[in-house]
């Protein structure tokens, strides 16, 4: 009987710790705040979008330079200059091929985002099992930020509509 009580006590302790860990994933801000998993997924989605935009800009510029080189080639009779223009076209092609990284990184990041969403669904299922009020009534203190110095202050670029914009910062100094 003593062994059974000890096992039940240990199980109850594990359940309580699990509830606290699940609650720690939930938002600590006002109601409706995104949880940590959603925030990370949104950040990764923003990385994919920014990479797509930058890649498109690179592709547009490379295409324009290559078009200019081809146009210039029709006006050049000098073999040396023609060779340089051919080299420019080859380098432009190499840049275009290198831009395939965006598609590959986008696919990989999408896999990570999908995995995070799956984990979030599992956490939400556990919250449903334990009860929403158990997560909401978590009395544990938030985890302490262990970063030091500048690392504690730096939060990287913010998602659109969150935090202070670069225009706001420029206006402060303008």
C-alpha atoms as a PDB file:
ATOM      1  CA  UNK A   1       0.000   0.000   0.000  1.00  0.00           C
ATOM      2  CA  UNK A   2       2.861   2.359   0.842  1.00  0.00           C
ATOM      3  CA  UNK A   3       4.431   1.641  -2.541  1.00  0.00           C
ATOM      4  CA  UNK A   4       1.144   2.400  -4.320  1.00  0.00           C
ATOM      5  CA  UNK A   5       0.811   5.710  -2.436  1.00  0.00           C
ATOM      6  CA  UNK A   6       4.374   6.635  -3.371  1.00  0.00           C
ATOM      7  CA  UNK A   7       3.713   5.790  -7.021  1.00  0.00           C
ATOM      8  CA  UNK A   8       0.487   7.826  -7.037  1.00  0.00           C
ATOM      9  CA  UNK A   9       2.277  10.745  -5.375  1.00  0.00           C
ATOM     10  CA  UNK A  10       5.034  10.554  -7.999  1.00  0.00           C
ATOM     11  CA  UNK A  11       2.468  10.391 -10.797  1.00  0.00           C
ATOM     12  CA  UNK A  12       0.585  13.390  -9.374  1.00  0.00           C
ATOM     13  CA  UNK A  13       3.862  15.325  -9.230  1.00  0.00           C
ATOM     14  CA  UNK A  14       4.618  14.456 -12.874  1.00  0.00           C
ATOM     15  CA  UNK A  15       1.127  15.530 -13.924  1.00  0.00           C
ATOM     16  CA  UNK A  16       1.489  18.849 -12.076  1.00  0.00           C
ATOM     17  CA  UNK A  17       4.884  19.480 -13.698  1.00  0.00           C
ATOM     18  CA  UNK A  18       3.453  18.616 -17.118  1.00  0.00           C
ATOM     19  CA  UNK A  19       0.629  21.100 -16.585  1.00  0.00           C
ATOM     20  CA  UNK A  20       3.146  23.804 -15.674  1.00  0.00           C
ATOM     21  CA  UNK A  21       5.254  23.085 -18.758  1.00  0.00           C
ATOM     22  CA  UNK A  22       2.189  23.171 -21.011  1.00  0.00           C
ATOM     23  CA  UNK A  23       1.080  26.424 -19.403  1.00  0.00           C
ATOM     24  CA  UNK A  24       4.557  27.886 -19.960  1.00  0.00           C
ATOM     25  CA  UNK A  25       4.079  27.480 -23.703  1.00  0.00           C
ATOM     26  CA  UNK A  26       0.889  29.509 -23.571  1.00  0.00           C
ATOM     27  CA  UNK A  27       1.042  33.290 -23.923  1.00  0.00           C
ATOM     28  CA  UNK A  28       1.890  35.283 -20.830  1.00  0.00           C
ATOM     29  CA  UNK A  29       0.512  38.507 -22.283  1.00  0.00           C
ATOM     30  CA  UNK A  30      -3.046  39.755 -22.576  1.00  0.00           C
ATOM     31  CA  UNK A  31      -5.841  37.466 -23.717  1.00  0.00           C
ATOM     32  CA  UNK A  32      -5.599  36.710 -27.400  1.00  0.00           C
ATOM     33  CA  UNK A  33      -1.791  36.906 -27.417  1.00  0.00           C
ATOM     34  CA  UNK A  34      -0.022  34.402 -29.608  1.00  0.00           C
ATOM     35  CA  UNK A  35       1.869  31.596 -27.915  1.00  0.00           C
ATOM     36  CA  UNK A  36       5.576  30.995 -28.414  1.00  0.00           C
ATOM     37  CA  UNK A  37       5.051  28.395 -31.138  1.00  0.00           C
ATOM     38  CA  UNK A  38       2.777  30.677 -33.163  1.00  0.00           C
ATOM     39  CA  UNK A  39       5.243  33.553 -32.809  1.00  0.00           C
ATOM     40  CA  UNK A  40       8.122  31.390 -34.070  1.00  0.00           C
ATOM     41  CA  UNK A  41       6.022  30.042 -36.956  1.00  0.00           C
ATOM     42  CA  UNK A  42       5.109  33.614 -37.944  1.00  0.00           C
ATOM     43  CA  UNK A  43       8.775  34.657 -37.794  1.00  0.00           C
ATOM     44  CA  UNK A  44       9.737  31.759 -40.068  1.00  0.00           C
ATOM     45  CA  UNK A  45       6.923  32.630 -42.478  1.00  0.00           C
ATOM     46  CA  UNK A  46       8.333  36.181 -42.538  1.00  0.00           C
ATOM     47  CA  UNK A  47      11.806  34.780 -43.331  1.00  0.00           C
ATOM     48  CA  UNK A  48      10.365  32.890 -46.307  1.00  0.00           C
ATOM     49  CA  UNK A  49       8.516  35.992 -47.552  1.00  0.00           C
ATOM     50  CA  UNK A  50      11.556  38.274 -47.149  1.00  0.00           C
ATOM     51  CA  UNK A  51      13.770  35.730 -48.906  1.00  0.00           C
ATOM     52  CA  UNK A  52      11.279  35.462 -51.769  1.00  0.00           C
ATOM     53  CA  UNK A  53      11.204  39.262 -52.122  1.00  0.00           C
ATOM     54  CA  UNK A  54      14.999  39.564 -52.054  1.00  0.00           C
ATOM     55  CA  UNK A  55      15.408  36.721 -54.536  1.00  0.00           C
ATOM     56  CA  UNK A  56      12.886  38.267 -56.906  1.00  0.00           C
ATOM     57  CA  UNK A  57      14.772  41.565 -56.726  1.00  0.00           C
ATOM     58  CA  UNK A  58      18.036  39.757 -57.517  1.00  0.00           C
ATOM     59  CA  UNK A  59      16.429  37.901 -60.429  1.00  0.00           C
ATOM     60  CA  UNK A  60      14.965  41.111 -61.856  1.00  0.00           C
ATOM     61  CA  UNK A  61      18.328  42.892 -61.623  1.00  0.00           C
ATOM     62  CA  UNK A  62      20.244  39.981 -63.154  1.00  0.00           C
ATOM     63  CA  UNK A  63      17.777  39.796 -66.017  1.00  0.00           C
ATOM     64  CA  UNK A  64      18.136  43.551 -66.632  1.00  0.00           C
ATOM     65  CA  UNK A  65      21.961  43.394 -66.589  1.00  0.00           C
ATOM     66  CA  UNK A  66      21.976  40.393 -68.925  1.00  0.00           C
ATOM     67  CA  UNK A  67      19.601  42.182 -71.318  1.00  0.00           C
ATOM     68  CA  UNK A  68      21.896  45.237 -71.301  1.00  0.00           C
ATOM     69  CA  UNK A  69      24.934  43.029 -71.975  1.00  0.00           C
ATOM     70  CA  UNK A  70      23.172  41.367 -74.917  1.00  0.00           C
ATOM     71  CA  UNK A  71      22.121  44.741 -76.292  1.00  0.00           C
ATOM     72  CA  UNK A  72      25.632  46.105 -75.925  1.00  0.00           C
ATOM     73  CA  UNK A  73      27.082  42.991 -77.611  1.00  0.00           C
ATOM     74  CA  UNK A  74      25.225  43.878 -80.826  1.00  0.00           C
ATOM     75  CA  UNK A  75      27.082  47.222 -80.890  1.00  0.00           C
ATOM     76  CA  UNK A  76      30.566  45.896 -80.102  1.00  0.00           C
ATOM     77  CA  UNK A  77      32.893  44.654 -82.815  1.00  0.00           C
ATOM     78  CA  UNK A  78      35.957  44.365 -80.580  1.00  0.00           C
ATOM     79  CA  UNK A  79      36.653  40.675 -79.774  1.00  0.00           C
ATOM     80  CA  UNK A  80      38.043  41.496 -76.316  1.00  0.00           C
ATOM     81  CA  UNK A  81      34.947  43.517 -75.330  1.00  0.00           C
ATOM     82  CA  UNK A  82      32.725  40.783 -76.781  1.00  0.00           C
ATOM     83  CA  UNK A  83      34.528  38.223 -74.605  1.00  0.00           C
ATOM     84  CA  UNK A  84      33.934  40.333 -71.494  1.00  0.00           C
ATOM     85  CA  UNK A  85      30.242  40.617 -72.386  1.00  0.00           C
ATOM     86  CA  UNK A  86      30.109  36.813 -72.758  1.00  0.00           C
ATOM     87  CA  UNK A  87      31.734  36.499 -69.311  1.00  0.00           C
ATOM     88  CA  UNK A  88      29.109  38.876 -67.892  1.00  0.00           C
ATOM     89  CA  UNK A  89      26.328  36.716 -69.358  1.00  0.00           C
ATOM     90  CA  UNK A  90      27.903  33.568 -67.882  1.00  0.00           C
ATOM     91  CA  UNK A  91      28.144  35.199 -64.442  1.00  0.00           C
ATOM     92  CA  UNK A  92      24.519  36.329 -64.705  1.00  0.00           C
ATOM     93  CA  UNK A  93      23.499  32.737 -65.460  1.00  0.00           C
ATOM     94  CA  UNK A  94      25.514  31.532 -62.440  1.00  0.00           C
ATOM     95  CA  UNK A  95      23.690  34.060 -60.231  1.00  0.00           C
ATOM     96  CA  UNK A  96      20.318  32.871 -61.562  1.00  0.00           C
ATOM     97  CA  UNK A  97      21.246  29.267 -60.795  1.00  0.00           C
ATOM     98  CA  UNK A  98      22.443  30.209 -57.303  1.00  0.00           C
ATOM     99  CA  UNK A  99      19.066  31.823 -56.600  1.00  0.00           C
ATOM    100  CA  UNK A 100      17.571  28.337 -56.451  1.00  0.00           C
ATOM    101  CA  UNK A 101      18.588  28.462 -52.773  1.00  0.00           C
ATOM    102  CA  UNK A 102      15.412  30.420 -52.077  1.00  0.00           C
ATOM    103  CA  UNK A 103      13.140  27.633 -53.214  1.00  0.00           C
ATOM    104  CA  UNK A 104      15.065  25.019 -51.234  1.00  0.00           C
ATOM    105  CA  UNK A 105      15.264  27.102 -48.048  1.00  0.00           C
ATOM    106  CA  UNK A 106      11.607  28.024 -48.404  1.00  0.00           C
ATOM    107  CA  UNK A 107      10.664  24.347 -48.596  1.00  0.00           C
ATOM    108  CA  UNK A 108      12.793  23.494 -45.560  1.00  0.00           C
ATOM    109  CA  UNK A 109      11.436  26.355 -43.489  1.00  0.00           C
ATOM    110  CA  UNK A 110       7.893  25.356 -44.475  1.00  0.00           C
ATOM    111  CA  UNK A 111       8.617  21.855 -43.122  1.00  0.00           C
ATOM    112  CA  UNK A 112       9.768  23.402 -39.828  1.00  0.00           C
ATOM    113  CA  UNK A 113       6.663  25.613 -39.660  1.00  0.00           C
ATOM    114  CA  UNK A 114       4.414  22.612 -40.315  1.00  0.00           C
ATOM    115  CA  UNK A 115       6.198  20.668 -37.567  1.00  0.00           C
ATOM    116  CA  UNK A 116       5.742  23.567 -35.148  1.00  0.00           C
ATOM    117  CA  UNK A 117       2.052  23.715 -36.015  1.00  0.00           C
ATOM    118  CA  UNK A 118       1.785  19.964 -35.384  1.00  0.00           C
ATOM    119  CA  UNK A 119       3.462  20.389 -31.976  1.00  0.00           C
ATOM    120  CA  UNK A 120       1.081  23.261 -31.240  1.00  0.00           C
ATOM    121  CA  UNK A 121      -1.895  21.033 -32.076  1.00  0.00           C
ATOM    122  CA  UNK A 122      -0.571  18.347 -29.719  1.00  0.00           C
ATOM    123  CA  UNK A 123      -0.040  20.905 -26.941  1.00  0.00           C
ATOM    124  CA  UNK A 124      -3.561  22.233 -27.469  1.00  0.00           C
ATOM    125  CA  UNK A 125      -4.862  18.661 -27.278  1.00  0.00           C
ATOM    126  CA  UNK A 126      -3.050  18.192 -23.944  1.00  0.00           C
ATOM    127  CA  UNK A 127      -4.502  21.464 -22.691  1.00  0.00           C
ATOM    128  CA  UNK A 128      -7.948  20.216 -23.675  1.00  0.00           C
ATOM    129  CA  UNK A 129      -7.299  16.996 -21.738  1.00  0.00           C
ATOM    130  CA  UNK A 130      -6.003  18.773 -18.626  1.00  0.00           C
ATOM    131  CA  UNK A 131      -8.505  21.566 -18.931  1.00  0.00           C
ATOM    132  CA  UNK A 132      -8.128  25.130 -20.169  1.00  0.00           C
ATOM    133  CA  UNK A 133      -8.462  26.460 -16.620  1.00  0.00           C
ATOM    134  CA  UNK A 134      -5.405  24.479 -15.509  1.00  0.00           C
ATOM    135  CA  UNK A 135      -3.280  26.257 -18.098  1.00  0.00           C
ATOM    136  CA  UNK A 136      -4.898  29.617 -17.406  1.00  0.00           C
ATOM    137  CA  UNK A 137      -4.425  29.271 -13.643  1.00  0.00           C
ATOM    138  CA  UNK A 138      -0.718  28.562 -13.840  1.00  0.00           C
ATOM    139  CA  UNK A 139       0.828  30.297 -10.863  1.00  0.00           C
ATOM    140  CA  UNK A 140       4.413  29.583 -11.790  1.00  0.00           C
ATOM    141  CA  UNK A 141       6.526  32.598 -12.457  1.00  0.00           C
ATOM    142  CA  UNK A 142       7.650  33.232 -16.024  1.00  0.00           C
ATOM    143  CA  UNK A 143      11.033  31.879 -16.993  1.00  0.00           C
ATOM    144  CA  UNK A 144      13.832  34.325 -16.265  1.00  0.00           C
ATOM    145  CA  UNK A 145      15.575  35.814 -19.291  1.00  0.00           C
ATOM    146  CA  UNK A 146      19.141  34.547 -18.906  1.00  0.00           C
ATOM    147  CA  UNK A 147      20.578  36.577 -21.762  1.00  0.00           C
ATOM    148  CA  UNK A 148      23.210  39.128 -20.774  1.00  0.00           C
ATOM    149  CA  UNK A 149      24.301  42.545 -22.027  1.00  0.00           C
ATOM    150  CA  UNK A 150      23.244  43.578 -25.509  1.00  0.00           C
ATOM    151  CA  UNK A 151      21.785  40.120 -26.192  1.00  0.00           C
ATOM    152  CA  UNK A 152      19.083  40.889 -23.620  1.00  0.00           C
ATOM    153  CA  UNK A 153      18.149  44.052 -25.518  1.00  0.00           C
ATOM    154  CA  UNK A 154      18.267  42.702 -29.063  1.00  0.00           C
ATOM    155  CA  UNK A 155      15.117  41.121 -30.419  1.00  0.00           C
ATOM    156  CA  UNK A 156      15.886  41.313 -34.122  1.00  0.00           C
ATOM    157  CA  UNK A 157      13.606  42.717 -36.770  1.00  0.00           C
ATOM    158  CA  UNK A 158       9.944  42.717 -35.810  1.00  0.00           C
ATOM    159  CA  UNK A 159       7.116  41.315 -37.877  1.00  0.00           C
ATOM    160  CA  UNK A 160       5.028  43.867 -39.763  1.00  0.00           C
ATOM    161  CA  UNK A 161       2.731  45.708 -37.381  1.00  0.00           C
ATOM    162  CA  UNK A 162       4.612  44.577 -34.257  1.00  0.00           C
ATOM    163  CA  UNK A 163       7.083  46.697 -32.336  1.00  0.00           C
ATOM    164  CA  UNK A 164       8.619  49.971 -33.419  1.00  0.00           C
ATOM    165  CA  UNK A 165       9.088  50.466 -37.163  1.00  0.00           C
ATOM    166  CA  UNK A 166      12.266  51.762 -38.772  1.00  0.00           C
ATOM    167  CA  UNK A 167      10.310  54.876 -39.793  1.00  0.00           C
ATOM    168  CA  UNK A 168       9.459  55.507 -36.113  1.00  0.00           C
ATOM    169  CA  UNK A 169      13.131  55.185 -35.182  1.00  0.00           C
ATOM    170  CA  UNK A 170      14.206  57.469 -38.043  1.00  0.00           C
ATOM    171  CA  UNK A 171      11.611  60.044 -36.938  1.00  0.00           C
ATOM    172  CA  UNK A 172      13.116  60.072 -33.430  1.00  0.00           C
ATOM    173  CA  UNK A 173      16.497  61.062 -34.859  1.00  0.00           C
ATOM    174  CA  UNK A 174      15.177  63.179 -37.733  1.00  0.00           C
END
